[in-house]
Every structure is written in C-alpha cells, then in structure tokens.
Amino acid sequence: MKLLLLTLAVLLLLSQLTPGDTQRCWNLRGKCNKRCSRNARVYVYCTNGKLCCVKPKYQPKERPWQFAVPGSLQPGKYR
C-alpha cells in the first residue's frame, strides 16, 4: 500500500513539473504552434521554426501607411 501511495505521489509530482505549454513569442503574447487557429495571425517565426500565432486582442492595429514630410520639404516653403 505504501508503494502504491509513493508511486502516485511521484507521478503527480512529475505531471506538475513537465512543461505542458508551448513556447511563447511576440513579446510573450503569442504561442509557437505548427498551425494557427482561424482568428490567430502569424507575424514572425519562432526560433524552433514553428509559427508564432497571435490572438486578435494582441494583434497590432491596422493603419494606412503614413509618411512624415519634414517641415523644410513641404510644398510652398522655401529656405
């Protein structure tokens, strides 16, 4: 009986110590997977070659390209 309890205790401890989560990426907001879910997007690859899947709430906002024009190069202004 003691051997059975010892075995169960060791198995329980080992199950807690083994890593069950995948590698993190994208500033700890993404997960490295072979495939991403429908709503997750891929922005970079992980160091292990898998895709870095980022959930929508952590994805950067889509913005149109904006180019800043320095003040000296604006039309109508001359030196």
PDB file of N, CA and C in Angstrom:
ATOM      1  N   MET A   1       0.820  -1.199   0.000  1.00  0.00           N
ATOM      2  CA  MET A   1       0.000   0.000   0.000  1.00  0.00           C
ATOM      3  C   MET A   1       0.863   1.260   0.000  1.00  0.00           C
ATOM      4  N   LYS A   2       1.954   1.214   0.787  1.00  0.00           N
ATOM      5  CA  LYS A   2       2.847   2.366   0.830  1.00  0.00           C
ATOM      6  C   LYS A   2       3.505   2.597  -0.530  1.00  0.00           C
ATOM      7  N   LEU A   3       3.837   1.503  -1.199  1.00  0.00           N
ATOM      8  CA  LEU A   3       4.461   1.617  -2.515  1.00  0.00           C
ATOM      9  C   LEU A   3       3.499   2.254  -3.522  1.00  0.00           C
ATOM     10  N   LEU A   4       2.246   1.898  -3.441  1.00  0.00           N
ATOM     11  CA  LEU A   4       1.237   2.480  -4.320  1.00  0.00           C
ATOM     12  C   LEU A   4       1.092   3.983  -4.076  1.00  0.00           C
ATOM     13  N   LEU A   5       1.036   4.390  -2.819  1.00  0.00           N
ATOM     14  CA  LEU A   5       0.929   5.813  -2.489  1.00  0.00           C
ATOM     15  C   LEU A   5       2.170   6.584  -2.929  1.00  0.00           C
ATOM     16  N   LEU A   6       3.341   5.978  -2.752  1.00  0.00           N
ATOM     17  CA  LEU A   6       4.579   6.618  -3.184  1.00  0.00           C
ATOM     18  C   LEU A   6       4.603   6.782  -4.701  1.00  0.00           C
ATOM     19  N   THR A   7       4.180   5.757  -5.414  1.00  0.00           N
ATOM     20  CA  THR A   7       4.126   5.818  -6.876  1.00  0.00           C
ATOM     21  C   THR A   7       3.161   6.902  -7.344  1.00  0.00           C
ATOM     22  N   LEU A   8       1.996   6.975  -6.742  1.00  0.00           N
ATOM     23  CA  LEU A   8       1.024   8.013  -7.108  1.00  0.00           C
ATOM     24  C   LEU A   8       1.556   9.413  -6.810  1.00  0.00           C
ATOM     25  N   ALA A   9       2.241   9.569  -5.692  1.00  0.00           N
ATOM     26  CA  ALA A   9       2.806  10.870  -5.334  1.00  0.00           C
ATOM     27  C   ALA A   9       3.875  11.294  -6.337  1.00  0.00           C
ATOM     28  N   VAL A  10       4.723  10.351  -6.740  1.00  0.00           N
ATOM     29  CA  VAL A  10       5.777  10.657  -7.717  1.00  0.00           C
ATOM     30  C   VAL A  10       5.163  11.004  -9.070  1.00  0.00           C
ATOM     31  N   LEU A  11       4.176  10.257  -9.507  1.00  0.00           N
ATOM     32  CA  LEU A  11       3.521  10.543 -10.786  1.00  0.00           C
ATOM     33  C   LEU A  11       2.818  11.896 -10.766  1.00  0.00           C
ATOM     34  N   LEU A  12       2.195  12.220  -9.670  1.00  0.00           N
ATOM     35  CA  LEU A  12       1.541  13.518  -9.541  1.00  0.00           C
ATOM     36  C   LEU A  12       2.565  14.645  -9.596  1.00  0.00           C
ATOM     37  N   LEU A  13       3.682  14.466  -8.926  1.00  0.00           N
ATOM     38  CA  LEU A  13       4.737  15.471  -8.935  1.00  0.00           C
ATOM     39  C   LEU A  13       5.325  15.631 -10.333  1.00  0.00           C
ATOM     40  N   LEU A  14       5.579  14.535 -11.018  1.00  0.00           N
ATOM     41  CA  LEU A  14       6.136  14.599 -12.369  1.00  0.00           C
ATOM     42  C   LEU A  14       5.170  15.250 -13.353  1.00  0.00           C
ATOM     43  N   SER A  15       3.891  15.023 -13.186  1.00  0.00           N
ATOM     44  CA  SER A  15       2.921  15.635 -14.098  1.00  0.00           C
ATOM     45  C   SER A  15       2.882  17.149 -13.919  1.00  0.00           C
ATOM     46  N   GLN A  16       3.198  17.629 -12.729  1.00  0.00           N
ATOM     47  CA  GLN A  16       3.229  19.067 -12.479  1.00  0.00           C
ATOM     48  C   GLN A  16       4.521  19.698 -12.979  1.00  0.00           C
ATOM     49  N   LEU A  17       5.600  18.954 -13.041  1.00  0.00           N
ATOM     50  CA  LEU A  17       6.894  19.501 -13.417  1.00  0.00           C
ATOM     51  C   LEU A  17       7.133  19.517 -14.916  1.00  0.00           C
ATOM     52  N   THR A  18       6.458  18.675 -15.666  1.00  0.00           N
ATOM     53  CA  THR A  18       6.684  18.628 -17.105  1.00  0.00           C
ATOM     54  C   THR A  18       6.024  19.826 -17.771  1.00  0.00           C
ATOM     55  N   PRO A  19       6.713  20.449 -18.722  1.00  0.00           N
ATOM     56  CA  PRO A  19       6.128  21.615 -19.377  1.00  0.00           C
ATOM     57  C   PRO A  19       4.973  21.203 -20.280  1.00  0.00           C
ATOM     58  N   GLY A  20       3.817  21.773 -20.042  1.00  0.00           N
ATOM     59  CA  GLY A  20       2.655  21.438 -20.847  1.00  0.00           C
ATOM     60  C   GLY A  20       2.304  22.527 -21.837  1.00  0.00           C
ATOM     61  N   ASP A  21       2.885  23.704 -21.660  1.00  0.00           N
ATOM     62  CA  ASP A  21       2.567  24.828 -22.522  1.00  0.00           C
ATOM     63  C   ASP A  21       3.592  24.920 -23.643  1.00  0.00           C
ATOM     64  N   THR A  22       3.208  25.567 -24.716  1.00  0.00           N
ATOM     65  CA  THR A  22       4.109  25.740 -25.844  1.00  0.00           C
ATOM     66  C   THR A  22       5.025  26.928 -25.601  1.00  0.00           C
ATOM     67  N   GLN A  23       6.012  27.069 -26.454  1.00  0.00           N
ATOM     68  CA  GLN A  23       6.948  28.183 -26.356  1.00  0.00           C
ATOM     69  C   GLN A  23       6.227  29.497 -26.652  1.00  0.00           C
ATOM     70  N   ARG A  24       6.606  30.571 -25.972  1.00  0.00           N
ATOM     71  CA  ARG A  24       5.964  31.871 -26.147  1.00  0.00           C
ATOM     72  C   ARG A  24       6.775  32.725 -27.118  1.00  0.00           C
ATOM     73  N   CYS A  25       6.097  33.665 -27.780  1.00  0.00           N
ATOM     74  CA  CYS A  25       6.744  34.565 -28.728  1.00  0.00           C
ATOM     75  C   CYS A  25       5.982  35.883 -28.757  1.00  0.00           C
ATOM     76  N   TRP A  26       6.376  36.795 -29.644  1.00  0.00           N
ATOM     77  CA  TRP A  26       5.713  38.089 -29.834  1.00  0.00           C
ATOM     78  C   TRP A  26       5.526  38.797 -28.498  1.00  0.00           C
ATOM     79  N   ASN A  27       6.641  38.988 -27.801  1.00  0.00           N
ATOM     80  CA  ASN A  27       6.648  39.665 -26.503  1.00  0.00           C
ATOM     81  C   ASN A  27       5.727  38.953 -25.502  1.00  0.00           C
ATOM     82  N   LEU A  28       5.790  37.631 -25.510  1.00  0.00           N
ATOM     83  CA  LEU A  28       5.014  36.745 -24.626  1.00  0.00           C
ATOM     84  C   LEU A  28       3.511  36.816 -24.861  1.00  0.00           C
ATOM     85  N   ARG A  29       3.076  37.312 -26.005  1.00  0.00           N
ATOM     86  CA  ARG A  29       1.648  37.389 -26.304  1.00  0.00           C
ATOM     87  C   ARG A  29       1.218  36.386 -27.361  1.00  0.00           C
ATOM     88  N   GLY A  30       2.146  35.673 -27.943  1.00  0.00           N
ATOM     89  CA  GLY A  30       1.827  34.659 -28.940  1.00  0.00           C
ATOM     90  C   GLY A  30       2.349  33.298 -28.504  1.00  0.00           C
ATOM     91  N   LYS A  31       1.925  32.261 -29.214  1.00  0.00           N
ATOM     92  CA  LYS A  31       2.373  30.899 -28.926  1.00  0.00           C
ATOM     93  C   LYS A  31       2.927  30.277 -30.194  1.00  0.00           C
ATOM     94  N   CYS A  32       3.960  29.482 -30.039  1.00  0.00           N
ATOM     95  CA  CYS A  32       4.578  28.793 -31.168  1.00  0.00           C
ATOM     96  C   CYS A  32       3.828  27.489 -31.432  1.00  0.00           C
ATOM     97  N   ASN A  33       3.238  27.376 -32.612  1.00  0.00           N
ATOM     98  CA  ASN A  33       2.472  26.189 -32.994  1.00  0.00           C
ATOM     99  C   ASN A  33       2.792  25.810 -34.432  1.00  0.00           C
ATOM    100  N   LYS A  34       2.440  24.575 -34.790  1.00  0.00           N
ATOM    101  CA  LYS A  34       2.594  24.153 -36.179  1.00  0.00           C
ATOM    102  C   LYS A  34       1.559  24.831 -37.065  1.00  0.00           C
ATOM    103  N   ARG A  35       0.343  25.006 -36.533  1.00  0.00           N
ATOM    104  CA  ARG A  35      -0.738  25.684 -37.254  1.00  0.00           C
ATOM    105  C   ARG A  35      -1.439  26.635 -36.300  1.00  0.00           C
ATOM    106  N   CYS A  36      -1.953  27.725 -36.851  1.00  0.00           N
ATOM    107  CA  CYS A  36      -2.673  28.703 -36.029  1.00  0.00           C
ATOM    108  C   CYS A  36      -4.176  28.487 -36.167  1.00  0.00           C
ATOM    109  N   SER A  37      -4.921  28.934 -35.173  1.00  0.00           N
ATOM    110  CA  SER A  37      -6.380  28.863 -35.257  1.00  0.00           C
ATOM    111  C   SER A  37      -6.875  29.877 -36.286  1.00  0.00           C
ATOM    112  N   ARG A  38      -8.161  29.853 -36.570  1.00  0.00           N
ATOM    113  CA  ARG A  38      -8.717  30.730 -37.608  1.00  0.00           C
ATOM    114  C   ARG A  38      -8.492  32.210 -37.342  1.00  0.00           C
ATOM    115  N   ASN A  39      -8.693  32.628 -36.101  1.00  0.00           N
ATOM    116  CA  ASN A  39      -8.610  34.053 -35.817  1.00  0.00           C
ATOM    117  C   ASN A  39      -7.196  34.513 -35.464  1.00  0.00           C
ATOM    118  N   ALA A  40      -6.276  33.605 -35.215  1.00  0.00           N
ATOM    119  CA  ALA A  40      -4.899  33.989 -34.897  1.00  0.00           C
ATOM    120  C   ALA A  40      -4.139  34.299 -36.184  1.00  0.00           C
ATOM    121  N   ARG A  41      -3.181  35.206 -36.078  1.00  0.00           N
ATOM    122  CA  ARG A  41      -2.369  35.583 -37.235  1.00  0.00           C
ATOM    123  C   ARG A  41      -0.907  35.261 -36.983  1.00  0.00           C
ATOM    124  N   VAL A  42      -0.170  35.126 -38.073  1.00  0.00           N
ATOM    125  CA  VAL A  42       1.262  34.865 -37.995  1.00  0.00           C
ATOM    126  C   VAL A  42       1.999  36.141 -38.372  1.00  0.00           C
ATOM    127  N   TYR A  43       2.888  36.608 -37.499  1.00  0.00           N
ATOM    128  CA  TYR A  43       3.693  37.790 -37.795  1.00  0.00           C
ATOM    129  C   TYR A  43       5.167  37.451 -37.927  1.00  0.00           C
ATOM    130  N   VAL A  44       5.626  36.483 -37.160  1.00  0.00           N
ATOM    131  CA  VAL A  44       7.029  36.074 -37.195  1.00  0.00           C
ATOM    132  C   VAL A  44       7.090  34.556 -37.024  1.00  0.00           C
ATOM    133  N   TYR A  45       8.274  34.016 -37.204  1.00  0.00           N
ATOM    134  CA  TYR A  45       8.507  32.604 -36.935  1.00  0.00           C
ATOM    135  C   TYR A  45       9.252  32.474 -35.616  1.00  0.00           C
ATOM    136  N   CYS A  46       9.003  31.395 -34.922  1.00  0.00           N
ATOM    137  CA  CYS A  46       9.683  31.132 -33.656  1.00  0.00           C
ATOM    138  C   CYS A  46      11.078  30.578 -33.929  1.00  0.00           C
ATOM    139  N   THR A  47      11.894  30.546 -32.890  1.00  0.00           N
ATOM    140  CA  THR A  47      13.261  30.040 -33.043  1.00  0.00           C
ATOM    141  C   THR A  47      13.288  28.553 -33.368  1.00  0.00           C
ATOM    142  N   ASN A  48      12.214  27.835 -33.026  1.00  0.00           N
ATOM    143  CA  ASN A  48      12.161  26.404 -33.324  1.00  0.00           C
ATOM    144  C   ASN A  48      11.556  26.125 -34.707  1.00  0.00           C
ATOM    145  N   GLY A  49      11.299  27.173 -35.496  1.00  0.00           N
ATOM    146  CA  GLY A  49      10.788  27.010 -36.853  1.00  0.00           C
ATOM    147  C   GLY A  49       9.279  26.963 -36.960  1.00  0.00           C
ATOM    148  N   LYS A  50       8.574  27.005 -35.835  1.00  0.00           N
ATOM    149  CA  LYS A  50       7.113  26.980 -35.863  1.00  0.00           C
ATOM    150  C   LYS A  50       6.572  28.391 -36.060  1.00  0.00           C
ATOM    151  N   LEU A  51       5.262  28.485 -36.270  1.00  0.00           N
ATOM    152  CA  LEU A  51       4.614  29.777 -36.467  1.00  0.00           C
ATOM    153  C   LEU A  51       4.318  30.437 -35.127  1.00  0.00           C
ATOM    154  N   CYS A  52       4.474  31.748 -35.061  1.00  0.00           N
ATOM    155  CA  CYS A  52       4.112  32.495 -33.857  1.00  0.00           C
ATOM    156  C   CYS A  52       2.674  32.965 -34.041  1.00  0.00           C
ATOM    157  N   CYS A  53       1.729  32.304 -33.389  1.00  0.00           N
ATOM    158  CA  CYS A  53       0.301  32.599 -33.528  1.00  0.00           C
ATOM    159  C   CYS A  53      -0.113  33.637 -32.491  1.00  0.00           C
ATOM    160  N   VAL A  54      -0.660  34.764 -32.973  1.00  0.00           N
ATOM    161  CA  VAL A  54      -1.047  35.867 -32.096  1.00  0.00           C
ATOM    162  C   VAL A  54      -2.557  36.023 -32.144  1.00  0.00           C
ATOM    163  N   LYS A  55      -3.205  36.021 -30.965  1.00  0.00           N
ATOM    164  CA  LYS A  55      -4.654  36.182 -30.884  1.00  0.00           C
ATOM    165  C   LYS A  55      -5.054  37.603 -31.271  1.00  0.00           C
ATOM    166  N   PRO A  56      -6.307  37.796 -31.715  1.00  0.00           N
ATOM    167  CA  PRO A  56      -6.753  39.117 -32.182  1.00  0.00           C
ATOM    168  C   PRO A  56      -6.588  40.237 -31.162  1.00  0.00           C
ATOM    169  N   LYS A  57      -6.787  39.962 -29.883  1.00  0.00           N
ATOM    170  CA  LYS A  57      -6.699  41.052 -28.908  1.00  0.00           C
ATOM    171  C   LYS A  57      -5.270  41.552 -28.730  1.00  0.00           C
ATOM    172  N   TYR A  58      -4.278  40.778 -29.168  1.00  0.00           N
ATOM    173  CA  TYR A  58      -2.884  41.201 -29.074  1.00  0.00           C
ATOM    174  C   TYR A  58      -2.305  41.618 -30.419  1.00  0.00           C
ATOM    175  N   GLN A  59      -3.093  41.558 -31.486  1.00  0.00           N
ATOM    176  CA  GLN A  59      -2.588  41.919 -32.801  1.00  0.00           C
ATOM    177  C   GLN A  59      -2.499  43.434 -32.932  1.00  0.00           C
ATOM    178  N   PRO A  60      -1.471  43.919 -33.636  1.00  0.00           N
ATOM    179  CA  PRO A  60      -1.370  45.368 -33.821  1.00  0.00           C
ATOM    180  C   PRO A  60      -2.511  45.883 -34.689  1.00  0.00           C
ATOM    181  N   LYS A  61      -2.908  47.100 -34.449  1.00  0.00           N
ATOM    182  CA  LYS A  61      -3.996  47.717 -35.206  1.00  0.00           C
ATOM    183  C   LYS A  61      -3.535  48.000 -36.632  1.00  0.00           C
ATOM    184  N   GLU A  62      -4.419  47.739 -37.583  1.00  0.00           N
ATOM    185  CA  GLU A  62      -4.117  48.012 -38.985  1.00  0.00           C
ATOM    186  C   GLU A  62      -4.222  49.514 -39.229  1.00  0.00           C
ATOM    187  N   ARG A  63      -3.175  50.112 -39.763  1.00  0.00           N
ATOM    188  CA  ARG A  63      -3.183  51.543 -40.071  1.00  0.00           C
ATOM    189  C   ARG A  63      -2.702  51.738 -41.498  1.00  0.00           C
ATOM    190  N   PRO A  64      -3.261  52.723 -42.178  1.00  0.00           N
ATOM    191  CA  PRO A  64      -2.732  53.019 -43.513  1.00  0.00           C
ATOM    192  C   PRO A  64      -1.331  53.610 -43.373  1.00  0.00           C
ATOM    193  N   TRP A  65      -0.541  53.441 -44.397  1.00  0.00           N
ATOM    194  CA  TRP A  65       0.823  53.969 -44.363  1.00  0.00           C
ATOM    195  C   TRP A  65       0.778  55.484 -44.268  1.00  0.00           C
ATOM    196  N   GLN A  66       1.557  56.012 -43.355  1.00  0.00           N
ATOM    197  CA  GLN A  66       1.653  57.454 -43.197  1.00  0.00           C
ATOM    198  C   GLN A  66       3.118  57.841 -43.326  1.00  0.00           C
ATOM    199  N   PHE A  67       3.372  58.822 -44.163  1.00  0.00           N
ATOM    200  CA  PHE A  67       4.730  59.293 -44.352  1.00  0.00           C
ATOM    201  C   PHE A  67       4.844  60.703 -43.796  1.00  0.00           C
ATOM    202  N   ALA A  68       5.802  60.913 -42.941  1.00  0.00           N
ATOM    203  CA  ALA A  68       6.023  62.241 -42.373  1.00  0.00           C
ATOM    204  C   ALA A  68       6.912  63.032 -43.318  1.00  0.00           C
ATOM    205  N   VAL A  69       6.485  64.234 -43.634  1.00  0.00           N
ATOM    206  CA  VAL A  69       7.260  65.111 -44.504  1.00  0.00           C
ATOM    207  C   VAL A  69       7.924  66.153 -43.617  1.00  0.00           C
ATOM    208  N   PRO A  70       9.247  66.246 -43.652  1.00  0.00           N
ATOM    209  CA  PRO A  70       9.916  67.259 -42.840  1.00  0.00           C
ATOM    210  C   PRO A  70       9.445  68.660 -43.219  1.00  0.00           C
ATOM    211  N   GLY A  71       9.464  69.575 -42.256  1.00  0.00           N
ATOM    212  CA  GLY A  71       8.971  70.938 -42.475  1.00  0.00           C
ATOM    213  C   GLY A  71       9.674  71.663 -43.603  1.00  0.00           C
ATOM    214  N   SER A  72      10.965  71.415 -43.800  1.00  0.00           N
ATOM    215  CA  SER A  72      11.703  72.130 -44.849  1.00  0.00           C
ATOM    216  C   SER A  72      11.368  71.612 -46.243  1.00  0.00           C
ATOM    217  N   LEU A  73      10.739  70.455 -46.350  1.00  0.00           N
ATOM    218  CA  LEU A  73      10.428  69.889 -47.660  1.00  0.00           C
ATOM    219  C   LEU A  73       8.956  70.019 -48.032  1.00  0.00           C
ATOM    220  N   GLN A  74       8.163  70.661 -47.201  1.00  0.00           N
ATOM    221  CA  GLN A  74       6.753  70.809 -47.517  1.00  0.00           C
ATOM    222  C   GLN A  74       6.584  71.767 -48.685  1.00  0.00           C
ATOM    223  N   PRO A  75       5.600  71.532 -49.552  1.00  0.00           N
ATOM    224  CA  PRO A  75       5.388  72.411 -50.696  1.00  0.00           C
ATOM    225  C   PRO A  75       5.057  73.835 -50.242  1.00  0.00           C
ATOM    226  N   GLY A  76       5.595  74.802 -50.945  1.00  0.00           N
ATOM    227  CA  GLY A  76       5.306  76.201 -50.658  1.00  0.00           C
ATOM    228  C   GLY A  76       6.246  76.827 -49.654  1.00  0.00           C
ATOM    229  N   LYS A  77       7.092  76.046 -49.033  1.00  0.00           N
ATOM    230  CA  LYS A  77       8.044  76.606 -48.074  1.00  0.00           C
ATOM    231  C   LYS A  77       9.440  76.521 -48.668  1.00  0.00           C
ATOM    232  N   TYR A  78      10.119  77.640 -48.661  1.00  0.00           N
ATOM    233  CA  TYR A  78      11.471  77.690 -49.205  1.00  0.00           C
ATOM    234  C   TYR A  78      12.406  78.241 -48.146  1.00  0.00           C
ATOM    235  N   ARG A  79      13.655  77.919 -48.282  1.00  0.00           N
ATOM    236  CA  ARG A  79      14.653  78.436 -47.340  1.00  0.00           C
ATOM    237  C   ARG A  79      15.089  79.806 -47.705  1.00  0.00           C
TER     238      ARG A  79
END
